[in-house]
């Protein structure tokens, strides 16, 4: 249901919380959230200007934070890349994580055929340690 504060927050803040929630869900798929995933989540939370309280609320009540897809093509690609970076950060790509990335890709408005073409490219680049902006340049 959400809090009173959630009713009055900006669309961007709601989208940021939805994004962070999706990343938490990806990190949880293969059981516990490991140290590498925690570090990435912490960096992302800071970049999104989420407070510790907001992060705790999202982790405790993920059902309250749906994905709000970005409207621009570049932002959709950036988000898809970020999802894949979350999957590879711990060095192990779990099949359930890949399924969730595909689901999120569809939610972002990508077609199945686009995901089938894009996901292996981004996965390879992310595993190689290529930064998000460079991956974006290569796949757009």
N, C-alpha and C. Protein backbone atom coordinates (compact mmCIF):
# COMPACT_ATOMS: atom_id res chain seq x y z
N UNK A 1 0.82 -1.20 0.00
CA UNK A 1 0.00 0.00 0.00
C UNK A 1 0.86 1.25 0.00
N UNK A 2 1.94 1.26 0.77
CA UNK A 2 2.82 2.42 0.75
C UNK A 2 2.53 3.38 1.87
N UNK A 3 3.38 4.37 1.99
CA UNK A 3 3.26 5.37 3.05
C UNK A 3 2.68 6.66 2.48
N UNK A 4 2.33 7.57 3.39
CA UNK A 4 1.84 8.89 2.98
C UNK A 4 2.91 9.60 2.17
N UNK A 5 4.16 9.49 2.59
CA UNK A 5 5.27 10.15 1.88
C UNK A 5 5.36 9.64 0.45
N UNK A 6 5.10 8.34 0.23
CA UNK A 6 5.16 7.79 -1.12
C UNK A 6 4.12 8.42 -2.04
N UNK A 7 2.99 8.80 -1.48
CA UNK A 7 1.94 9.41 -2.29
C UNK A 7 2.36 10.76 -2.86
N UNK A 8 3.26 11.45 -2.18
CA UNK A 8 3.64 12.80 -2.57
C UNK A 8 5.02 12.92 -3.20
N UNK A 9 5.71 11.79 -3.39
CA UNK A 9 7.05 11.88 -3.97
C UNK A 9 6.97 12.08 -5.48
N UNK A 10 8.06 12.57 -6.04
CA UNK A 10 8.09 12.83 -7.48
C UNK A 10 8.09 11.53 -8.27
N UNK A 11 7.74 11.65 -9.52
CA UNK A 11 7.77 10.49 -10.41
C UNK A 11 9.17 9.93 -10.55
N UNK A 12 10.17 10.82 -10.60
CA UNK A 12 11.55 10.37 -10.71
C UNK A 12 11.97 9.60 -9.48
N UNK A 13 11.61 10.06 -8.30
CA UNK A 13 11.99 9.37 -7.06
C UNK A 13 11.31 8.00 -7.02
N UNK A 14 10.05 7.91 -7.44
CA UNK A 14 9.36 6.63 -7.47
C UNK A 14 10.04 5.68 -8.46
N UNK A 15 10.45 6.22 -9.60
CA UNK A 15 11.15 5.41 -10.60
C UNK A 15 12.50 4.93 -10.05
N UNK A 16 13.21 5.80 -9.35
CA UNK A 16 14.50 5.43 -8.76
C UNK A 16 14.32 4.31 -7.74
N UNK A 17 13.29 4.42 -6.92
CA UNK A 17 13.02 3.38 -5.92
C UNK A 17 12.64 2.07 -6.60
N UNK A 18 11.86 2.15 -7.66
CA UNK A 18 11.51 0.94 -8.42
C UNK A 18 12.73 0.29 -9.02
N UNK A 19 13.64 1.10 -9.57
CA UNK A 19 14.89 0.59 -10.12
C UNK A 19 15.70 -0.10 -9.03
N UNK A 20 15.86 0.56 -7.90
CA UNK A 20 16.64 -0.02 -6.81
C UNK A 20 16.01 -1.33 -6.35
N UNK A 21 14.69 -1.36 -6.26
CA UNK A 21 14.00 -2.58 -5.87
C UNK A 21 14.31 -3.71 -6.86
N UNK A 22 14.27 -3.42 -8.15
CA UNK A 22 14.58 -4.44 -9.16
C UNK A 22 15.99 -4.98 -8.97
N UNK A 23 16.93 -4.12 -8.66
CA UNK A 23 18.31 -4.55 -8.44
C UNK A 23 18.44 -5.42 -7.20
N UNK A 24 17.70 -5.07 -6.15
CA UNK A 24 17.70 -5.90 -4.94
C UNK A 24 17.13 -7.28 -5.26
N UNK A 25 16.07 -7.32 -6.04
CA UNK A 25 15.46 -8.61 -6.41
C UNK A 25 16.45 -9.46 -7.21
N UNK A 26 17.19 -8.83 -8.11
CA UNK A 26 18.21 -9.57 -8.86
C UNK A 26 19.29 -10.11 -7.94
N UNK A 27 19.71 -9.31 -6.98
CA UNK A 27 20.76 -9.73 -6.05
C UNK A 27 20.29 -10.89 -5.18
N UNK A 28 19.02 -10.94 -4.87
CA UNK A 28 18.46 -11.98 -3.99
C UNK A 28 18.20 -13.31 -4.69
N UNK A 29 18.12 -13.31 -5.99
CA UNK A 29 17.70 -14.51 -6.72
C UNK A 29 18.54 -15.73 -6.36
N UNK A 30 19.84 -15.55 -6.26
CA UNK A 30 20.72 -16.68 -5.99
C UNK A 30 20.99 -16.85 -4.50
N UNK A 31 20.03 -16.53 -3.67
CA UNK A 31 20.07 -16.67 -2.21
C UNK A 31 20.46 -15.35 -1.56
N UNK A 32 21.47 -15.37 -0.71
CA UNK A 32 21.86 -14.18 0.05
C UNK A 32 22.54 -13.15 -0.86
N UNK A 33 22.46 -11.92 -0.45
CA UNK A 33 23.14 -10.84 -1.16
C UNK A 33 24.59 -10.83 -0.67
N UNK A 34 25.54 -11.07 -1.59
CA UNK A 34 26.94 -11.15 -1.17
C UNK A 34 27.60 -9.78 -1.11
N UNK A 35 28.85 -9.75 -0.68
CA UNK A 35 29.56 -8.47 -0.47
C UNK A 35 29.67 -7.63 -1.73
N UNK A 36 29.97 -8.25 -2.87
CA UNK A 36 30.10 -7.50 -4.12
C UNK A 36 28.77 -6.86 -4.51
N UNK A 37 27.69 -7.59 -4.30
CA UNK A 37 26.36 -7.06 -4.61
C UNK A 37 25.99 -5.92 -3.66
N UNK A 38 26.34 -6.06 -2.39
CA UNK A 38 26.07 -5.01 -1.41
C UNK A 38 26.82 -3.73 -1.79
N UNK A 39 28.08 -3.87 -2.20
CA UNK A 39 28.86 -2.69 -2.61
C UNK A 39 28.21 -1.99 -3.79
N UNK A 40 27.80 -2.77 -4.80
CA UNK A 40 27.16 -2.17 -5.97
C UNK A 40 25.83 -1.52 -5.57
N UNK A 41 25.03 -2.19 -4.76
CA UNK A 41 23.76 -1.62 -4.32
C UNK A 41 23.98 -0.33 -3.53
N UNK A 42 25.00 -0.30 -2.70
CA UNK A 42 25.31 0.89 -1.92
C UNK A 42 25.68 2.06 -2.82
N UNK A 43 26.53 1.79 -3.82
CA UNK A 43 26.90 2.84 -4.78
C UNK A 43 25.68 3.37 -5.52
N UNK A 44 24.84 2.46 -5.95
CA UNK A 44 23.65 2.86 -6.71
C UNK A 44 22.69 3.65 -5.82
N UNK A 45 22.50 3.21 -4.58
CA UNK A 45 21.61 3.93 -3.66
C UNK A 45 22.10 5.36 -3.46
N UNK A 46 23.41 5.53 -3.32
CA UNK A 46 23.97 6.88 -3.17
C UNK A 46 23.74 7.71 -4.42
N UNK A 47 23.97 7.09 -5.60
CA UNK A 47 23.78 7.80 -6.86
C UNK A 47 22.32 8.23 -7.04
N UNK A 48 21.40 7.40 -6.53
CA UNK A 48 19.98 7.72 -6.64
C UNK A 48 19.49 8.61 -5.49
N UNK A 49 20.41 8.98 -4.59
CA UNK A 49 20.09 9.81 -3.42
C UNK A 49 19.05 9.16 -2.51
N UNK A 50 19.17 7.85 -2.34
CA UNK A 50 18.28 7.14 -1.43
C UNK A 50 18.90 7.13 -0.03
N UNK A 51 18.09 7.40 0.97
CA UNK A 51 18.57 7.37 2.35
C UNK A 51 18.66 5.93 2.83
N UNK A 52 19.35 5.72 3.94
CA UNK A 52 19.43 4.38 4.54
C UNK A 52 18.03 3.88 4.89
N UNK A 53 17.18 4.77 5.36
CA UNK A 53 15.81 4.39 5.71
C UNK A 53 15.03 3.95 4.47
N UNK A 54 15.20 4.67 3.36
CA UNK A 54 14.52 4.30 2.13
C UNK A 54 15.01 2.95 1.63
N UNK A 55 16.31 2.72 1.70
CA UNK A 55 16.89 1.45 1.27
C UNK A 55 16.31 0.32 2.12
N UNK A 56 16.27 0.50 3.43
CA UNK A 56 15.72 -0.53 4.33
C UNK A 56 14.25 -0.80 4.01
N UNK A 57 13.49 0.27 3.77
CA UNK A 57 12.06 0.13 3.44
C UNK A 57 11.87 -0.66 2.15
N UNK A 58 12.69 -0.37 1.15
CA UNK A 58 12.59 -1.08 -0.13
C UNK A 58 12.91 -2.55 0.06
N UNK A 59 13.95 -2.84 0.82
CA UNK A 59 14.35 -4.23 1.04
C UNK A 59 13.29 -4.98 1.84
N UNK A 60 12.67 -4.33 2.82
CA UNK A 60 11.67 -4.98 3.66
C UNK A 60 10.30 -5.11 2.98
N UNK A 61 9.97 -4.18 2.07
CA UNK A 61 8.64 -4.17 1.43
C UNK A 61 8.76 -4.00 -0.08
N UNK A 62 9.37 -4.97 -0.77
CA UNK A 62 9.59 -4.81 -2.21
C UNK A 62 8.30 -4.69 -3.03
N UNK A 63 7.22 -5.22 -2.53
CA UNK A 63 5.95 -5.16 -3.27
C UNK A 63 5.42 -3.74 -3.41
N UNK A 64 5.92 -2.82 -2.61
CA UNK A 64 5.47 -1.42 -2.65
C UNK A 64 6.20 -0.58 -3.70
N UNK A 65 7.16 -1.19 -4.41
CA UNK A 65 8.00 -0.42 -5.31
C UNK A 65 8.06 -1.05 -6.70
N UNK A 66 7.03 -0.83 -7.51
CA UNK A 66 7.02 -1.40 -8.85
C UNK A 66 8.00 -0.70 -9.79
N UNK A 67 8.34 -1.38 -10.86
CA UNK A 67 9.21 -0.78 -11.87
C UNK A 67 8.45 0.31 -12.61
N UNK A 68 9.09 1.44 -12.75
CA UNK A 68 8.55 2.54 -13.55
C UNK A 68 9.53 2.70 -14.72
N UNK A 69 9.17 2.16 -15.90
CA UNK A 69 10.12 2.20 -17.02
C UNK A 69 10.43 3.62 -17.46
N UNK A 70 11.69 3.87 -17.77
CA UNK A 70 12.06 5.20 -18.29
C UNK A 70 11.47 5.42 -19.66
N UNK A 71 11.31 6.68 -20.02
CA UNK A 71 10.69 6.99 -21.30
C UNK A 71 11.68 7.06 -22.45
N UNK A 72 12.93 7.43 -22.17
CA UNK A 72 13.87 7.57 -23.27
C UNK A 72 14.56 6.24 -23.60
N UNK A 73 14.91 6.11 -24.84
CA UNK A 73 15.58 4.90 -25.32
C UNK A 73 16.91 4.70 -24.59
N UNK A 74 17.67 5.77 -24.44
CA UNK A 74 18.98 5.67 -23.78
C UNK A 74 18.83 5.22 -22.33
N UNK A 75 17.86 5.76 -21.63
CA UNK A 75 17.65 5.37 -20.23
C UNK A 75 17.22 3.91 -20.12
N UNK A 76 16.42 3.43 -21.07
CA UNK A 76 16.02 2.02 -21.06
C UNK A 76 17.25 1.11 -21.25
N UNK A 77 18.11 1.48 -22.18
CA UNK A 77 19.34 0.71 -22.39
C UNK A 77 20.23 0.77 -21.15
N UNK A 78 20.38 1.95 -20.58
CA UNK A 78 21.20 2.09 -19.37
C UNK A 78 20.68 1.19 -18.25
N UNK A 79 19.39 1.16 -18.07
CA UNK A 79 18.80 0.34 -17.01
C UNK A 79 19.02 -1.14 -17.30
N UNK A 80 18.85 -1.55 -18.55
CA UNK A 80 19.08 -2.95 -18.90
C UNK A 80 20.53 -3.34 -18.62
N UNK A 81 21.45 -2.46 -18.98
CA UNK A 81 22.87 -2.69 -18.72
C UNK A 81 23.11 -2.81 -17.21
N UNK A 82 22.50 -1.95 -16.45
CA UNK A 82 22.65 -1.97 -14.99
C UNK A 82 22.15 -3.29 -14.41
N UNK A 83 21.04 -3.78 -14.93
CA UNK A 83 20.53 -5.07 -14.46
C UNK A 83 21.56 -6.18 -14.71
N UNK A 84 22.16 -6.17 -15.87
CA UNK A 84 23.15 -7.21 -16.18
C UNK A 84 24.40 -7.03 -15.33
N UNK A 85 24.81 -5.79 -15.09
CA UNK A 85 25.95 -5.57 -14.21
C UNK A 85 25.68 -6.12 -12.81
N UNK A 86 24.45 -6.00 -12.33
CA UNK A 86 24.09 -6.54 -11.03
C UNK A 86 24.22 -8.06 -11.02
N UNK A 87 23.85 -8.68 -12.13
CA UNK A 87 23.91 -10.13 -12.23
C UNK A 87 25.35 -10.64 -12.22
N UNK A 88 26.26 -9.92 -12.87
CA UNK A 88 27.63 -10.42 -13.00
C UNK A 88 28.57 -9.95 -11.89
N UNK A 89 28.14 -9.03 -11.04
CA UNK A 89 29.03 -8.44 -10.04
C UNK A 89 29.60 -9.49 -9.08
N UNK A 90 28.85 -10.55 -8.80
CA UNK A 90 29.36 -11.56 -7.88
C UNK A 90 30.16 -12.66 -8.58
N UNK A 91 30.34 -12.51 -9.91
CA UNK A 91 31.15 -13.46 -10.67
C UNK A 91 30.42 -14.71 -11.11
N UNK A 92 29.17 -14.86 -10.71
CA UNK A 92 28.40 -16.06 -11.05
C UNK A 92 27.05 -15.64 -11.59
N UNK A 93 26.74 -16.05 -12.82
CA UNK A 93 25.45 -15.73 -13.42
C UNK A 93 24.52 -16.92 -13.23
N UNK A 94 23.58 -16.77 -12.35
CA UNK A 94 22.60 -17.80 -12.03
C UNK A 94 21.52 -17.81 -13.11
N UNK A 95 21.05 -18.98 -13.53
CA UNK A 95 19.97 -19.03 -14.54
C UNK A 95 18.71 -18.27 -14.12
N UNK A 96 18.41 -18.27 -12.84
CA UNK A 96 17.23 -17.54 -12.36
C UNK A 96 17.44 -16.03 -12.50
N UNK A 97 18.69 -15.58 -12.32
CA UNK A 97 18.99 -14.17 -12.52
C UNK A 97 18.79 -13.80 -13.98
N UNK A 98 19.23 -14.66 -14.87
CA UNK A 98 19.06 -14.39 -16.31
C UNK A 98 17.59 -14.31 -16.67
N UNK A 99 16.77 -15.19 -16.11
CA UNK A 99 15.33 -15.15 -16.37
C UNK A 99 14.73 -13.82 -15.92
N UNK A 100 15.19 -13.36 -14.75
CA UNK A 100 14.67 -12.10 -14.23
C UNK A 100 15.13 -10.92 -15.08
N UNK A 101 16.35 -10.97 -15.58
CA UNK A 101 16.84 -9.91 -16.48
C UNK A 101 15.97 -9.86 -17.73
N UNK A 102 15.63 -11.01 -18.27
CA UNK A 102 14.77 -11.06 -19.46
C UNK A 102 13.39 -10.47 -19.14
N UNK A 103 12.84 -10.84 -17.99
CA UNK A 103 11.54 -10.31 -17.57
C UNK A 103 11.61 -8.79 -17.45
N UNK A 104 12.67 -8.28 -16.81
CA UNK A 104 12.82 -6.85 -16.66
C UNK A 104 13.04 -6.17 -18.02
N UNK A 105 13.76 -6.83 -18.91
CA UNK A 105 13.96 -6.29 -20.25
C UNK A 105 12.63 -6.12 -20.98
N UNK A 106 11.77 -7.11 -20.85
CA UNK A 106 10.44 -7.01 -21.45
C UNK A 106 9.64 -5.86 -20.81
N UNK A 107 9.77 -5.71 -19.49
CA UNK A 107 9.08 -4.63 -18.79
C UNK A 107 9.59 -3.25 -19.21
N UNK A 108 10.85 -3.21 -19.65
CA UNK A 108 11.42 -1.95 -20.13
C UNK A 108 10.97 -1.63 -21.55
N UNK A 109 10.27 -2.57 -22.18
CA UNK A 109 9.75 -2.32 -23.52
C UNK A 109 10.56 -2.94 -24.64
N UNK A 110 11.57 -3.73 -24.29
CA UNK A 110 12.33 -4.43 -25.32
C UNK A 110 11.54 -5.64 -25.79
N UNK A 111 11.67 -5.96 -27.05
CA UNK A 111 11.06 -7.18 -27.61
C UNK A 111 11.97 -8.35 -27.27
N UNK A 112 11.39 -9.54 -27.24
CA UNK A 112 12.16 -10.75 -26.94
C UNK A 112 13.37 -10.88 -27.88
N UNK A 113 13.17 -10.60 -29.15
CA UNK A 113 14.27 -10.69 -30.12
C UNK A 113 15.38 -9.69 -29.81
N UNK A 114 15.00 -8.50 -29.34
CA UNK A 114 16.01 -7.50 -28.97
C UNK A 114 16.81 -7.97 -27.76
N UNK A 115 16.13 -8.55 -26.80
CA UNK A 115 16.80 -9.05 -25.59
C UNK A 115 17.75 -10.18 -25.95
N UNK A 116 17.31 -11.07 -26.83
CA UNK A 116 18.15 -12.20 -27.23
C UNK A 116 19.41 -11.73 -27.94
N UNK A 117 19.35 -10.61 -28.60
CA UNK A 117 20.52 -10.05 -29.27
C UNK A 117 21.37 -9.21 -28.31
N UNK A 118 20.72 -8.44 -27.48
CA UNK A 118 21.40 -7.49 -26.60
C UNK A 118 22.04 -8.14 -25.38
N UNK A 119 21.34 -9.06 -24.75
CA UNK A 119 21.79 -9.62 -23.48
C UNK A 119 23.16 -10.29 -23.56
N UNK A 120 23.45 -11.14 -24.55
CA UNK A 120 24.79 -11.75 -24.59
C UNK A 120 25.91 -10.72 -24.80
N UNK A 121 25.65 -9.70 -25.60
CA UNK A 121 26.66 -8.66 -25.84
C UNK A 121 26.97 -7.91 -24.54
N UNK A 122 25.92 -7.49 -23.86
CA UNK A 122 26.09 -6.73 -22.63
C UNK A 122 26.73 -7.61 -21.56
N UNK A 123 26.31 -8.85 -21.48
CA UNK A 123 26.88 -9.80 -20.51
C UNK A 123 28.37 -9.96 -20.72
N UNK A 124 28.79 -10.14 -21.95
CA UNK A 124 30.20 -10.31 -22.27
C UNK A 124 31.00 -9.07 -21.87
N UNK A 125 30.48 -7.89 -22.22
CA UNK A 125 31.17 -6.64 -21.91
C UNK A 125 31.21 -6.39 -20.40
N UNK A 126 30.11 -6.68 -19.70
CA UNK A 126 30.07 -6.48 -18.25
C UNK A 126 31.04 -7.42 -17.55
N UNK A 127 31.10 -8.67 -18.00
CA UNK A 127 32.05 -9.62 -17.41
C UNK A 127 33.49 -9.17 -17.63
N UNK A 128 33.73 -8.49 -18.73
CA UNK A 128 35.08 -8.00 -19.05
C UNK A 128 35.42 -6.72 -18.27
N UNK A 129 34.46 -6.20 -17.50
CA UNK A 129 34.71 -5.01 -16.69
C UNK A 129 34.55 -3.70 -17.42
N UNK A 130 33.92 -3.73 -18.58
CA UNK A 130 33.69 -2.50 -19.34
C UNK A 130 32.66 -1.66 -18.58
N UNK A 131 32.91 -0.35 -18.47
CA UNK A 131 32.00 0.52 -17.73
C UNK A 131 30.70 0.76 -18.51
N UNK A 132 29.66 1.11 -17.77
CA UNK A 132 28.32 1.23 -18.35
C UNK A 132 28.26 2.18 -19.53
N UNK A 133 28.91 3.33 -19.45
CA UNK A 133 28.84 4.30 -20.56
C UNK A 133 29.46 3.74 -21.84
N UNK A 134 30.54 2.97 -21.70
CA UNK A 134 31.16 2.36 -22.87
C UNK A 134 30.30 1.23 -23.43
N UNK A 135 29.66 0.46 -22.55
CA UNK A 135 28.74 -0.58 -23.03
C UNK A 135 27.61 0.07 -23.79
N UNK A 136 27.09 1.15 -23.24
CA UNK A 136 25.98 1.86 -23.89
C UNK A 136 26.39 2.31 -25.28
N UNK A 137 27.59 2.86 -25.41
CA UNK A 137 28.09 3.31 -26.73
C UNK A 137 28.15 2.15 -27.71
N UNK A 138 28.49 0.97 -27.23
CA UNK A 138 28.66 -0.17 -28.12
C UNK A 138 27.35 -0.84 -28.54
N UNK A 139 26.32 -0.72 -27.70
CA UNK A 139 25.08 -1.45 -28.01
C UNK A 139 23.97 -0.57 -28.58
N UNK A 140 24.12 0.73 -28.49
CA UNK A 140 23.05 1.59 -29.02
C UNK A 140 23.24 1.91 -30.47
